[in-house]
Amino acid sequence: MTEIPAARHDVTPDTDSPKWGGIWLVFATLATAAFFWTGIAGLIEVWKLPEYSHGPLIPILSALLFLRHLKSVPTQAGPPDRVWPGVVLLVVALAFGAVGRLIDIDDIVAYGLILWIGAIILICFGWDTGKQFWPSVLHLVFMLPLPGALYYAVSTYLQGISSELGVFLVRLLDISVFLDGNIIDLGVYKLHVAEACSGLRYLFPILSFSYIFAALYQGPFWHKAVLLLAAAPITIFMNALRIAIAAVVVNEYGVAHVEGFAHFFEGWVIFMSCVLLLFVLAVILVRLHPQRRRLVDVLDLETNGLWTQVRRAKFLHPSAALIGAGLLTAVGALFSESLPARPTVIADRYQFVVFPTELEDWRRGPHSSLDPETEAVLAADDYLSVRLERAEHSVPVELFIAWYENQNRGGVHSPEVCLPGGGWEIANLNSIVAPIDTGDSAASFTLNRAIIQKGMERMLVYYWYDQQGLRTASVLDAKFRLLQSKIRHGRNDSAIVRLLTPIQSGEDVAAAEARLKDSLGAVLKTLPRFIPGHGPTAGHVSESRS
């Protein structure tokens, strides 16, 4: 992170008469709000979630960071130099917004909005001056939600670390406790470390806070790096302490005492403790500074003169690039509003309730419903959880399929995320070509093969992502194919398929592999009716956008 120059109070606006650049900047800003409105509205909805409730503060803090930096930049008397990088970035930003609106993915529109802000700064100040403001633009990333797959991966990882560290702290108090996945077993009570306790709701705002802290810190670069990187371990440790306190309270007084207001208050105490620890870390770093020994000497918190910097907008030069940016954004907003919203195509398919009871030589058992909490996290529009049995095999194969009608409302959850939460450890995981002969080389696909274990239990697992009949082991490939289909055909449905079988005590893995291979062929012949293939003809048009 670059060090922001010390504020210059002798910088005054140009004494010439006001120019029209400020008017064009306001016009471009209003046009931007219209063009990127779906992304802005999507952010407002996301900010209602606890993990992203800090979101509304991010633009405000970024604006303050920008204005503080602007105090050290002299007012330009003429048009800015080298504005072409800003023009190129502006076109890219509008392309992001257009694609996001076309395929109805608000996150992509929001990404375009941040790029547009960076572009307009480069256009107003030119490349040489405008590039200095990158810290305030980059800070806007903290207002965005994480992609679903990344969110659940990070959440699960933090849950695991917080659970293990929390149990370690509880054991230091000589309390008997056992950890099973993310379930803390106290004997009489069991405390589940849910997603809400992963630490993400602290990590995001603390990362934002430490970013601002590092940007305002007037010291060596490695000091800034330490302040920025310390946010994650501080948050994880304090969240583990929070879990440990909750476990102790449950052990002594029961579950009711960690619910409701007490749980909320406990969260805010931990958040403020994280902020306090960052300040303590900054004080320690100041003590290591060769010239400065006080925090106030290295942390520039002066806010005087910010309104003067806002008023400098009226002295902006109305360059052709700035005028063009406003007009191009306005035309894009008018054009996008005039286009009818592209509806989502809903695939025609059979519901899993009519999934056949016989798949070649395999017979399936009754559907097993998930518990309400798991169903809520899964958020699938339709799912199937059954046991497959065959006379030649003494051990069954479990089949699980989750289908999502429209992934704008939620997406597939990788077993790499779900299994560790249930206490299973992934002992081995690799991607392989589907080990069956389909008779059609074009129909071959990759799937994930995993061996999982919990205590003495072991299981062999196959799973893959089914994107409208196109199967793949890679979640990134699945997302890319889904984006292609959304653009080309308007479809946004997806599925995940998982087969698993126990590895019996003393049984060779090859025997379990044979069961999965055998059942895999039977399942693949049945799937197309329940997971429709790709293309525009496999569905009907939804009357409303999601």
Protein backbone atom coordinates (compact mmCIF):
# COMPACT_ATOMS: atom_id res chain seq x y z
CA MET A 1 0.00 0.00 0.00
CA THR A 2 1.47 3.32 -1.01
CA GLU A 3 2.09 5.98 1.60
CA ILE A 4 -0.16 9.00 1.21
CA PRO A 5 1.80 12.28 1.23
CA ALA A 6 1.27 14.56 4.19
CA ALA A 7 -1.62 16.98 3.78
CA ARG A 8 -0.79 20.35 2.22
CA HIS A 9 -2.81 23.21 3.62
CA ASP A 10 -1.37 25.76 1.21
CA VAL A 11 -3.21 24.25 -1.77
CA THR A 12 -6.01 26.55 -2.86
CA PRO A 13 -8.43 26.33 -5.78
CA ASP A 14 -7.69 28.06 -9.06
CA THR A 15 -8.70 31.72 -8.79
CA ASP A 16 -10.06 31.73 -12.33
CA SER A 17 -13.79 31.67 -12.86
CA PRO A 18 -15.51 28.31 -12.26
CA LYS A 19 -15.55 25.94 -15.21
CA TRP A 20 -18.26 23.58 -16.44
CA GLY A 21 -16.34 20.44 -15.51
CA GLY A 22 -18.16 20.11 -12.20
CA ILE A 23 -21.52 20.25 -13.95
CA TRP A 24 -20.45 17.48 -16.32
CA LEU A 25 -19.17 15.44 -13.36
CA VAL A 26 -22.56 15.73 -11.64
CA PHE A 27 -24.30 14.79 -14.89
CA ALA A 28 -22.05 11.76 -15.34
CA THR A 29 -22.66 10.72 -11.72
CA LEU A 30 -26.46 10.86 -12.13
CA ALA A 31 -26.21 8.89 -15.38
CA THR A 32 -24.03 6.35 -13.58
CA ALA A 33 -26.60 5.90 -10.81
CA ALA A 34 -29.21 5.13 -13.46
CA PHE A 35 -27.00 2.79 -15.51
CA PHE A 36 -25.68 0.81 -12.53
CA TRP A 37 -28.86 0.98 -10.46
CA THR A 38 -29.48 -2.78 -10.42
CA GLY A 39 -26.01 -3.29 -8.92
CA ILE A 40 -26.63 -0.55 -6.35
CA ALA A 41 -30.01 -2.06 -5.42
CA GLY A 42 -28.40 -5.48 -5.12
CA LEU A 43 -25.77 -4.09 -2.76
CA ILE A 44 -28.46 -2.49 -0.60
CA GLU A 45 -30.15 -5.89 -0.25
CA VAL A 46 -26.88 -7.63 0.59
CA TRP A 47 -26.05 -5.00 3.20
CA LYS A 48 -29.10 -6.14 5.17
CA LEU A 49 -27.24 -9.39 5.97
CA PRO A 50 -25.19 -9.42 9.20
CA GLU A 51 -21.97 -10.35 7.36
CA TYR A 52 -22.20 -7.28 5.13
CA SER A 53 -23.98 -4.81 7.41
CA HIS A 54 -20.84 -2.65 7.36
CA GLY A 55 -21.35 -2.08 3.61
CA PRO A 56 -22.97 1.39 3.75
CA LEU A 57 -19.94 2.76 5.59
CA ILE A 58 -17.48 1.71 2.90
CA PRO A 59 -18.36 4.36 0.25
CA ILE A 60 -18.31 7.05 2.97
CA LEU A 61 -14.88 5.98 4.23
CA SER A 62 -13.55 5.71 0.67
CA ALA A 63 -14.81 9.24 -0.09
CA LEU A 64 -13.10 10.60 3.04
CA LEU A 65 -9.89 8.80 2.11
CA PHE A 66 -10.08 10.31 -1.39
CA LEU A 67 -10.70 13.85 -0.11
CA ARG A 68 -7.84 13.61 2.39
CA HIS A 69 -5.51 12.55 -0.41
CA LEU A 70 -6.87 15.31 -2.65
CA LYS A 71 -5.63 17.91 -0.15
CA SER A 72 -2.06 17.10 -1.24
CA VAL A 73 -2.84 17.45 -4.98
CA PRO A 74 -2.63 20.94 -6.55
CA THR A 75 -5.54 22.19 -8.62
CA GLN A 76 -4.89 21.76 -12.34
CA ALA A 77 -5.06 24.95 -14.38
CA GLY A 78 -5.73 23.22 -17.70
CA PRO A 79 -7.06 19.97 -19.10
CA PRO A 80 -5.60 16.75 -17.63
CA ASP A 81 -2.92 14.84 -19.50
CA ARG A 82 -3.06 11.21 -20.63
CA VAL A 83 -6.74 10.51 -20.07
CA TRP A 84 -6.89 7.58 -22.49
CA PRO A 85 -6.36 4.92 -19.73
CA GLY A 86 -9.44 6.32 -18.01
CA VAL A 87 -11.44 6.19 -21.26
CA VAL A 88 -10.44 2.55 -21.82
CA LEU A 89 -11.36 1.66 -18.23
CA LEU A 90 -14.68 3.48 -18.63
CA VAL A 91 -15.59 1.35 -21.65
CA VAL A 92 -14.67 -1.80 -19.71
CA ALA A 93 -16.80 -0.64 -16.76
CA LEU A 94 -19.83 0.01 -18.97
CA ALA A 95 -19.33 -3.40 -20.59
CA PHE A 96 -19.40 -5.03 -17.14
CA GLY A 97 -22.57 -3.16 -16.28
CA ALA A 98 -24.24 -4.07 -19.58
CA VAL A 99 -23.39 -7.76 -19.29
CA GLY A 100 -24.52 -7.85 -15.66
CA ARG A 101 -27.84 -6.25 -16.54
CA LEU A 102 -28.29 -8.55 -19.54
CA ILE A 103 -27.83 -11.76 -17.57
CA ASP A 104 -29.42 -10.34 -14.40
CA ILE A 105 -26.41 -10.77 -12.09
CA ASP A 106 -26.23 -7.74 -9.80
CA ASP A 107 -22.72 -8.52 -8.55
CA ILE A 108 -21.24 -8.03 -12.02
CA VAL A 109 -23.01 -4.67 -12.30
CA ALA A 110 -21.51 -3.68 -8.93
CA TYR A 111 -18.03 -4.64 -10.14
CA GLY A 112 -18.57 -2.39 -13.13
CA LEU A 113 -19.57 0.48 -10.84
CA ILE A 114 -16.23 0.34 -8.99
CA LEU A 115 -14.36 0.27 -12.29
CA TRP A 116 -16.38 3.30 -13.44
CA ILE A 117 -15.36 5.26 -10.33
CA GLY A 118 -11.71 4.48 -11.01
CA ALA A 119 -12.17 5.48 -14.65
CA ILE A 120 -13.79 8.85 -13.88
CA ILE A 121 -10.94 9.70 -11.48
CA LEU A 122 -8.39 8.97 -14.21
CA ILE A 123 -10.40 11.08 -16.67
CA CYS A 124 -10.70 14.03 -14.27
CA PHE A 125 -7.06 14.07 -13.16
CA GLY A 126 -5.16 12.28 -15.91
CA TRP A 127 -3.09 9.13 -15.52
CA ASP A 128 -0.09 10.55 -13.65
CA THR A 129 -2.19 12.18 -10.91
CA GLY A 130 -5.27 9.94 -10.94
CA LYS A 131 -3.37 6.70 -10.35
CA GLN A 132 -2.32 8.01 -6.93
CA PHE A 133 -5.91 7.65 -5.69
CA TRP A 134 -5.99 3.86 -6.08
CA PRO A 135 -6.19 3.18 -2.30
CA SER A 136 -9.57 4.91 -1.98
CA VAL A 137 -10.95 3.10 -5.06
CA LEU A 138 -9.62 -0.30 -3.99
CA HIS A 139 -11.24 0.14 -0.58
CA LEU A 140 -14.65 -0.01 -2.29
CA VAL A 141 -14.09 -3.74 -2.83
CA PHE A 142 -14.95 -4.27 0.84
CA MET A 143 -18.58 -3.29 0.17
CA LEU A 144 -19.03 -6.20 -2.28
CA PRO A 145 -20.33 -9.63 -1.25
CA LEU A 146 -18.05 -12.60 -1.76
CA PRO A 147 -18.99 -15.01 -4.58
CA GLY A 148 -21.10 -17.83 -3.16
CA ALA A 149 -18.51 -20.59 -3.63
CA LEU A 150 -15.76 -18.48 -2.07
CA TYR A 151 -18.03 -17.38 0.78
CA TYR A 152 -18.85 -20.95 1.82
CA ALA A 153 -15.23 -22.06 1.42
CA VAL A 154 -13.95 -19.21 3.61
CA SER A 155 -16.82 -19.64 6.08
CA THR A 156 -16.16 -23.35 6.47
CA TYR A 157 -12.42 -22.79 6.87
CA LEU A 158 -12.98 -20.16 9.57
CA GLN A 159 -15.55 -22.37 11.28
CA GLY A 160 -13.01 -25.18 11.51
CA ILE A 161 -10.21 -22.99 12.87
CA SER A 162 -12.50 -21.18 15.32
CA SER A 163 -13.95 -24.48 16.57
CA GLU A 164 -10.55 -26.08 17.16
CA LEU A 165 -9.09 -23.00 18.82
CA GLY A 166 -12.25 -22.49 20.89
CA VAL A 167 -12.13 -26.08 22.15
CA PHE A 168 -8.44 -25.62 23.01
CA LEU A 169 -9.30 -22.57 25.12
CA VAL A 170 -12.15 -24.43 26.85
CA ARG A 171 -9.83 -27.31 27.73
CA LEU A 172 -7.42 -24.82 29.31
CA LEU A 173 -10.21 -24.19 31.83
CA ASP A 174 -10.22 -27.93 32.66
CA ILE A 175 -13.66 -28.48 31.10
CA SER A 176 -14.22 -31.82 29.38
CA VAL A 177 -15.12 -31.16 25.75
CA PHE A 178 -15.09 -33.07 22.47
CA LEU A 179 -15.08 -31.63 18.94
CA ASP A 180 -16.99 -33.44 16.18
CA GLY A 181 -16.66 -31.39 13.00
CA ASN A 182 -18.15 -28.04 13.99
CA ILE A 183 -20.13 -29.46 16.92
CA ILE A 184 -18.70 -28.82 20.39
CA ASP A 185 -19.84 -31.69 22.62
CA LEU A 186 -19.93 -30.73 26.30
CA GLY A 187 -21.62 -33.96 27.36
CA VAL A 188 -24.97 -32.61 28.53
CA TYR A 189 -25.12 -29.94 25.80
CA LYS A 190 -23.94 -29.75 22.22
CA LEU A 191 -23.00 -26.38 20.76
CA HIS A 192 -23.04 -26.08 16.97
CA VAL A 193 -20.61 -23.57 15.48
CA ALA A 194 -22.85 -22.33 12.69
CA GLU A 195 -21.99 -20.07 9.75
CA ALA A 196 -23.02 -17.07 11.83
CA CYS A 197 -20.22 -17.98 14.25
CA SER A 198 -17.54 -18.41 11.58
CA GLY A 199 -16.20 -14.92 12.18
CA LEU A 200 -17.04 -13.52 8.74
CA ARG A 201 -19.32 -10.85 10.20
CA TYR A 202 -16.29 -9.55 12.10
CA LEU A 203 -13.63 -10.26 9.49
CA PHE A 204 -15.09 -8.10 6.70
CA PRO A 205 -15.49 -4.89 8.72
CA ILE A 206 -12.21 -5.44 10.57
CA LEU A 207 -10.39 -5.90 7.24
CA SER A 208 -11.94 -2.65 6.02
CA PHE A 209 -10.96 -0.89 9.23
CA SER A 210 -7.37 -2.20 9.08
CA TYR A 211 -7.14 -1.10 5.42
CA ILE A 212 -8.07 2.48 6.37
CA PHE A 213 -5.74 2.24 9.36
CA ALA A 214 -2.83 1.19 7.10
CA ALA A 215 -3.64 3.89 4.55
CA LEU A 216 -3.57 6.64 7.21
CA TYR A 217 -0.48 5.27 8.95
CA GLN A 218 2.55 7.44 8.16
CA GLY A 219 5.27 4.88 8.68
CA PRO A 220 7.33 2.17 6.96
CA PHE A 221 5.63 -0.04 4.42
CA TRP A 222 6.15 -3.16 6.51
CA HIS A 223 4.24 -1.48 9.37
CA LYS A 224 1.32 -0.95 6.98
CA ALA A 225 1.50 -4.57 5.83
CA VAL A 226 1.45 -5.86 9.42
CA LEU A 227 -1.59 -3.72 10.27
CA LEU A 228 -3.44 -4.94 7.20
CA LEU A 229 -2.57 -8.63 7.54
CA ALA A 230 -3.16 -8.71 11.30
CA ALA A 231 -6.91 -8.30 10.82
CA ALA A 232 -7.47 -11.97 9.97
CA PRO A 233 -5.59 -13.64 12.88
CA ILE A 234 -6.97 -11.11 15.37
CA THR A 235 -10.52 -11.80 14.19
CA ILE A 236 -10.04 -15.58 14.26
CA PHE A 237 -8.56 -15.54 17.76
CA MET A 238 -11.25 -13.26 19.18
CA ASN A 239 -14.00 -15.29 17.53
CA ALA A 240 -12.53 -18.46 19.01
CA LEU A 241 -12.53 -16.73 22.39
CA ARG A 242 -16.18 -15.84 21.79
CA ILE A 243 -17.00 -19.49 21.05
CA ALA A 244 -15.10 -20.60 24.14
CA ILE A 245 -17.01 -18.12 26.32
CA ALA A 246 -20.29 -19.37 24.84
CA ALA A 247 -19.27 -22.97 25.56
CA VAL A 248 -18.42 -22.12 29.17
CA VAL A 249 -21.73 -20.30 29.63
CA VAL A 250 -23.65 -23.22 28.13
CA ASN A 251 -21.79 -25.68 30.33
CA GLU A 252 -22.56 -23.68 33.49
CA TYR A 253 -26.01 -22.15 32.82
CA GLY A 254 -27.55 -23.81 29.74
CA VAL A 255 -28.16 -22.92 26.09
CA ALA A 256 -30.75 -20.19 26.74
CA HIS A 257 -28.10 -17.80 28.09
CA VAL A 258 -26.24 -17.52 24.76
CA GLU A 259 -29.32 -16.76 22.69
CA GLY A 260 -31.03 -13.49 21.87
CA PHE A 261 -29.65 -10.24 23.22
CA ALA A 262 -26.76 -11.88 25.07
CA HIS A 263 -25.52 -13.43 21.82
CA PHE A 264 -25.85 -10.08 19.99
CA PHE A 265 -24.11 -8.13 22.77
CA GLU A 266 -21.34 -10.70 22.97
CA GLY A 267 -20.74 -10.22 19.23
CA TRP A 268 -20.40 -6.45 19.54
CA VAL A 269 -18.01 -6.83 22.47
CA ILE A 270 -15.78 -9.09 20.37
CA PHE A 271 -15.91 -6.67 17.42
CA MET A 272 -14.83 -3.71 19.55
CA SER A 273 -12.13 -5.87 21.12
CA CYS A 274 -10.74 -6.59 17.65
CA VAL A 275 -10.60 -2.85 16.93
CA LEU A 276 -8.87 -2.23 20.26
CA LEU A 277 -6.27 -4.90 19.48
CA LEU A 278 -5.51 -3.19 16.18
CA PHE A 279 -4.85 0.04 18.06
CA VAL A 280 -2.61 -1.83 20.51
CA LEU A 281 -0.69 -3.32 17.59
CA ALA A 282 -0.29 0.15 16.06
CA VAL A 283 1.08 1.48 19.36
CA ILE A 284 3.62 -1.36 19.47
CA LEU A 285 4.71 -0.58 15.90
CA VAL A 286 5.07 3.10 16.76
CA ARG A 287 7.44 2.17 19.57
CA LEU A 288 9.61 0.51 16.91
CA HIS A 289 9.60 3.66 14.75
CA PRO A 290 13.04 5.33 14.86
CA GLN A 291 11.78 8.96 14.81
CA ARG A 292 8.24 8.88 16.17
CA ARG A 293 7.13 7.51 19.52
CA ARG A 294 3.43 8.45 19.69
CA LEU A 295 0.48 7.08 17.74
CA VAL A 296 -0.79 10.59 16.99
CA ASP A 297 2.52 11.30 15.23
CA VAL A 298 2.04 8.56 12.64
CA LEU A 299 -1.74 8.26 12.33
CA ASP A 300 -3.02 11.17 10.25
CA LEU A 301 -6.62 11.74 11.36
CA GLU A 302 -6.95 15.41 10.40
CA THR A 303 -10.28 16.20 8.72
CA ASN A 304 -10.01 19.98 8.32
CA GLY A 305 -10.49 21.34 4.82
CA LEU A 306 -12.41 18.40 3.36
CA TRP A 307 -15.33 20.59 2.28
CA THR A 308 -12.87 22.82 0.43
CA GLN A 309 -11.79 19.77 -1.57
CA VAL A 310 -15.41 19.02 -2.46
CA ARG A 311 -15.82 22.56 -3.78
CA ARG A 312 -12.87 22.00 -6.10
CA ALA A 313 -15.20 20.06 -8.39
CA LYS A 314 -16.47 23.31 -9.90
CA PHE A 315 -12.95 24.09 -11.12
CA LEU A 316 -12.64 20.84 -13.08
CA HIS A 317 -11.75 21.37 -16.71
CA PRO A 318 -14.59 20.17 -19.03
CA SER A 319 -12.36 17.94 -21.14
CA ALA A 320 -13.69 16.04 -24.11
CA ALA A 321 -13.10 12.79 -22.20
CA LEU A 322 -15.22 13.96 -19.24
CA ILE A 323 -18.05 15.18 -21.48
CA GLY A 324 -17.87 11.97 -23.50
CA ALA A 325 -17.96 9.87 -20.32
CA GLY A 326 -21.13 11.61 -19.15
CA LEU A 327 -22.86 11.33 -22.53
CA LEU A 328 -21.81 7.71 -23.10
CA THR A 329 -23.01 6.67 -19.65
CA ALA A 330 -26.30 8.54 -20.13
CA VAL A 331 -26.90 6.93 -23.53
CA GLY A 332 -26.12 3.54 -22.00
CA ALA A 333 -28.60 4.18 -19.19
CA LEU A 334 -31.36 5.24 -21.61
CA PHE A 335 -30.67 2.34 -23.96
CA SER A 336 -30.61 -0.26 -21.18
CA GLU A 337 -33.86 1.07 -19.71
CA SER A 338 -35.57 0.88 -23.09
CA LEU A 339 -34.69 -2.78 -23.52
CA PRO A 340 -37.14 -5.31 -22.09
CA ALA A 341 -35.70 -7.27 -19.21
CA ARG A 342 -34.50 -10.63 -20.42
CA PRO A 343 -36.55 -13.21 -18.54
CA THR A 344 -34.99 -16.28 -17.03
CA VAL A 345 -35.75 -19.50 -18.90
CA ILE A 346 -36.95 -22.19 -16.50
CA ALA A 347 -36.05 -25.72 -17.53
CA ASP A 348 -38.79 -28.28 -18.14
CA ARG A 349 -37.94 -31.32 -16.07
CA TYR A 350 -39.35 -34.16 -13.98
CA GLN A 351 -39.40 -33.60 -10.22
CA PHE A 352 -37.30 -35.97 -8.12
CA VAL A 353 -40.47 -37.26 -6.48
CA VAL A 354 -40.97 -39.45 -9.57
CA PHE A 355 -37.37 -40.68 -9.67
CA PRO A 356 -37.59 -44.38 -10.66
CA THR A 357 -37.39 -47.08 -8.02
CA GLU A 358 -35.29 -49.28 -10.30
CA LEU A 359 -32.14 -48.19 -12.12
CA GLU A 360 -31.10 -51.22 -14.17
CA ASP A 361 -30.10 -53.77 -11.49
CA TRP A 362 -30.15 -51.22 -8.69
CA ARG A 363 -33.15 -50.54 -6.48
CA ARG A 364 -33.55 -47.29 -4.58
CA GLY A 365 -34.94 -46.85 -1.11
CA PRO A 366 -37.30 -44.10 0.08
CA HIS A 367 -36.28 -40.45 -0.07
CA SER A 368 -34.62 -39.23 3.14
CA SER A 369 -35.47 -35.63 3.98
CA LEU A 370 -32.76 -33.39 5.39
CA ASP A 371 -33.24 -31.57 8.67
CA PRO A 372 -34.72 -28.04 8.34
CA GLU A 373 -31.44 -26.28 9.15
CA THR A 374 -29.53 -28.22 6.47
CA GLU A 375 -32.31 -27.64 3.95
CA ALA A 376 -32.15 -23.90 4.61
CA VAL A 377 -28.39 -23.82 4.03
CA LEU A 378 -28.69 -26.02 0.92
CA ALA A 379 -31.44 -23.76 -0.49
CA ALA A 380 -32.09 -26.14 -3.39
CA ASP A 381 -35.33 -25.98 -5.39
CA ASP A 382 -35.46 -29.77 -5.56
CA TYR A 383 -33.26 -32.49 -4.11
CA LEU A 384 -33.06 -36.26 -3.83
CA SER A 385 -31.40 -38.27 -1.07
CA VAL A 386 -31.79 -42.04 -1.47
CA ARG A 387 -29.97 -45.30 -0.91
CA LEU A 388 -29.23 -47.56 -3.88
CA GLU A 389 -28.94 -51.30 -3.32
CA ARG A 390 -28.07 -54.27 -5.53
CA ALA A 391 -28.14 -57.96 -4.74
CA GLU A 392 -24.52 -58.48 -5.85
CA HIS A 393 -23.32 -55.86 -3.38
CA SER A 394 -23.76 -56.23 0.37
CA VAL A 395 -23.02 -52.53 0.91
CA PRO A 396 -25.31 -49.76 -0.46
CA VAL A 397 -24.48 -46.63 -2.44
CA GLU A 398 -25.99 -43.32 -1.35
CA LEU A 399 -27.16 -40.98 -4.10
CA PHE A 400 -27.69 -37.26 -3.48
CA ILE A 401 -28.73 -34.71 -6.11
CA ALA A 402 -29.49 -31.01 -5.54
CA TRP A 403 -31.05 -28.96 -8.36
CA TYR A 404 -31.26 -25.17 -8.51
CA GLU A 405 -33.78 -23.50 -10.79
CA ASN A 406 -32.07 -20.12 -10.75
CA GLN A 407 -28.64 -19.65 -9.16
CA ASN A 408 -29.23 -15.92 -8.73
CA ARG A 409 -31.08 -17.00 -5.58
CA GLY A 410 -28.29 -19.33 -4.44
CA GLY A 411 -25.99 -21.94 -5.86
CA VAL A 412 -24.51 -25.38 -5.48
CA HIS A 413 -22.55 -26.14 -2.33
CA SER A 414 -19.38 -28.11 -2.84
CA PRO A 415 -18.96 -31.24 -0.68
CA GLU A 416 -15.52 -29.83 0.11
CA VAL A 417 -17.46 -27.25 2.13
CA CYS A 418 -20.28 -29.39 3.53
CA LEU A 419 -18.46 -32.58 4.55
CA PRO A 420 -15.96 -31.03 7.00
CA GLY A 421 -18.85 -29.25 8.71
CA GLY A 422 -20.36 -32.66 9.42
CA GLY A 423 -17.18 -33.90 11.02
CA TRP A 424 -15.76 -35.68 7.96
CA GLU A 425 -12.11 -35.21 7.04
CA ILE A 426 -11.13 -35.30 3.36
CA ALA A 427 -8.19 -37.72 3.32
CA ASN A 428 -7.75 -37.74 -0.46
CA LEU A 429 -9.27 -35.67 -3.28
CA ASN A 430 -8.48 -35.60 -6.98
CA SER A 431 -10.19 -35.07 -10.33
CA ILE A 432 -10.51 -38.07 -12.66
CA VAL A 433 -12.18 -38.94 -15.94
CA ALA A 434 -15.49 -40.69 -15.25
CA PRO A 435 -14.45 -44.36 -14.91
CA ILE A 436 -17.16 -45.80 -17.18
CA ASP A 437 -17.42 -46.47 -20.88
CA THR A 438 -20.36 -44.49 -22.25
CA GLY A 439 -19.69 -45.58 -25.81
CA ASP A 440 -19.43 -41.91 -26.81
CA SER A 441 -16.10 -40.13 -26.40
CA ALA A 442 -17.89 -36.77 -26.58
CA ALA A 443 -19.92 -37.72 -23.51
CA SER A 444 -16.88 -38.34 -21.31
CA PHE A 445 -16.46 -35.94 -18.40
CA THR A 446 -14.41 -35.35 -15.26
CA LEU A 447 -15.60 -35.90 -11.71
CA ASN A 448 -14.14 -35.54 -8.24
CA ARG A 449 -13.04 -38.68 -6.40
CA ALA A 450 -12.56 -38.36 -2.64
CA ILE A 451 -11.90 -40.59 0.33
CA ILE A 452 -13.39 -39.15 3.52
CA GLN A 453 -13.08 -40.36 7.08
CA LYS A 454 -14.48 -39.73 10.54
CA GLY A 455 -12.82 -41.71 13.28
CA MET A 456 -12.67 -45.30 12.02
CA GLU A 457 -15.30 -44.76 9.33
CA ARG A 458 -14.22 -44.27 5.72
CA MET A 459 -16.21 -43.57 2.56
CA LEU A 460 -15.46 -43.28 -1.14
CA VAL A 461 -17.16 -40.37 -2.88
CA TYR A 462 -17.80 -39.35 -6.49
CA TYR A 463 -19.30 -35.95 -7.21
CA TRP A 464 -19.58 -33.52 -10.09
CA TYR A 465 -21.37 -30.35 -11.17
CA ASP A 466 -24.06 -30.80 -13.81
CA GLN A 467 -24.57 -27.59 -15.78
CA GLN A 468 -27.62 -28.36 -17.91
CA GLY A 469 -26.27 -31.73 -19.00
CA LEU A 470 -22.64 -30.59 -19.27
CA ARG A 471 -20.75 -32.30 -16.46
CA THR A 472 -17.49 -31.19 -14.87
CA ALA A 473 -15.40 -31.67 -11.72
CA SER A 474 -14.32 -28.02 -11.57
CA VAL A 475 -16.50 -25.48 -9.80
CA LEU A 476 -14.83 -22.69 -11.79
CA ASP A 477 -15.58 -24.47 -15.07
CA ALA A 478 -19.17 -24.96 -13.86
CA LYS A 479 -19.55 -21.23 -13.12
CA PHE A 480 -18.09 -20.30 -16.52
CA ARG A 481 -20.45 -22.67 -18.34
CA LEU A 482 -23.37 -21.31 -16.36
CA LEU A 483 -22.45 -17.76 -17.38
CA GLN A 484 -22.23 -18.83 -21.03
CA SER A 485 -25.65 -20.45 -20.88
CA LYS A 486 -27.19 -17.44 -19.16
CA ILE A 487 -25.92 -15.15 -21.92
CA ARG A 488 -26.77 -17.44 -24.85
CA HIS A 489 -29.99 -19.11 -23.73
CA GLY A 490 -31.26 -17.27 -20.64
CA ARG A 491 -31.00 -20.41 -18.49
CA ASN A 492 -29.49 -20.29 -15.02
CA ASP A 493 -30.26 -23.75 -13.62
CA SER A 494 -27.62 -26.05 -12.21
CA ALA A 495 -27.19 -29.23 -10.19
CA ILE A 496 -24.68 -31.21 -8.19
CA VAL A 497 -24.62 -35.02 -8.09
CA ARG A 498 -22.91 -37.08 -5.40
CA LEU A 499 -22.45 -40.83 -4.97
CA LEU A 500 -20.81 -42.34 -1.90
CA THR A 501 -20.32 -45.77 -0.41
CA PRO A 502 -18.77 -46.96 2.86
CA ILE A 503 -15.37 -48.64 2.79
CA GLN A 504 -15.92 -51.58 5.08
CA SER A 505 -13.39 -52.58 7.72
CA GLY A 506 -10.83 -54.79 6.00
CA GLU A 507 -12.30 -54.02 2.57
CA ASP A 508 -10.05 -52.97 -0.28
CA VAL A 509 -10.79 -49.56 -1.82
CA ALA A 510 -11.08 -51.27 -5.20
CA ALA A 511 -14.24 -53.07 -4.04
CA ALA A 512 -15.87 -49.77 -3.06
CA GLU A 513 -14.71 -48.31 -6.37
CA ALA A 514 -16.43 -51.13 -8.23
CA ARG A 515 -19.75 -50.35 -6.49
CA LEU A 516 -19.54 -46.67 -7.41
CA LYS A 517 -18.62 -47.44 -11.03
CA ASP A 518 -21.53 -49.85 -11.30
CA SER A 519 -24.06 -47.41 -9.84
CA LEU A 520 -22.62 -44.46 -11.79
CA GLY A 521 -23.58 -45.95 -15.14
CA ALA A 522 -27.15 -46.62 -14.00
CA VAL A 523 -27.56 -43.11 -12.57
CA LEU A 524 -26.20 -41.38 -15.70
CA LYS A 525 -28.81 -43.07 -17.89
CA THR A 526 -31.60 -41.73 -15.67
CA LEU A 527 -30.36 -38.16 -15.03
CA PRO A 528 -31.34 -36.39 -18.32
CA ARG A 529 -35.04 -36.45 -17.44
CA PHE A 530 -34.38 -34.71 -14.12
CA ILE A 531 -31.44 -32.48 -15.12
CA PRO A 532 -32.30 -31.14 -18.61
CA GLY A 533 -29.57 -30.75 -21.21
CA HIS A 534 -28.16 -27.49 -22.48
CA GLY A 535 -29.69 -25.24 -25.11
CA PRO A 536 -32.64 -22.86 -25.49
CA THR A 537 -35.28 -25.52 -26.13
CA ALA A 538 -35.05 -27.24 -22.77
CA GLY A 539 -37.20 -24.82 -20.85
CA HIS A 540 -39.96 -22.25 -20.74
CA VAL A 541 -39.82 -18.52 -20.12
CA SER A 542 -40.35 -17.27 -16.59
CA GLU A 543 -42.74 -14.35 -16.33
CA SER A 544 -40.71 -12.50 -13.71
CA ARG A 545 -37.10 -11.73 -13.11
CA SER A 546 -35.45 -13.06 -9.98
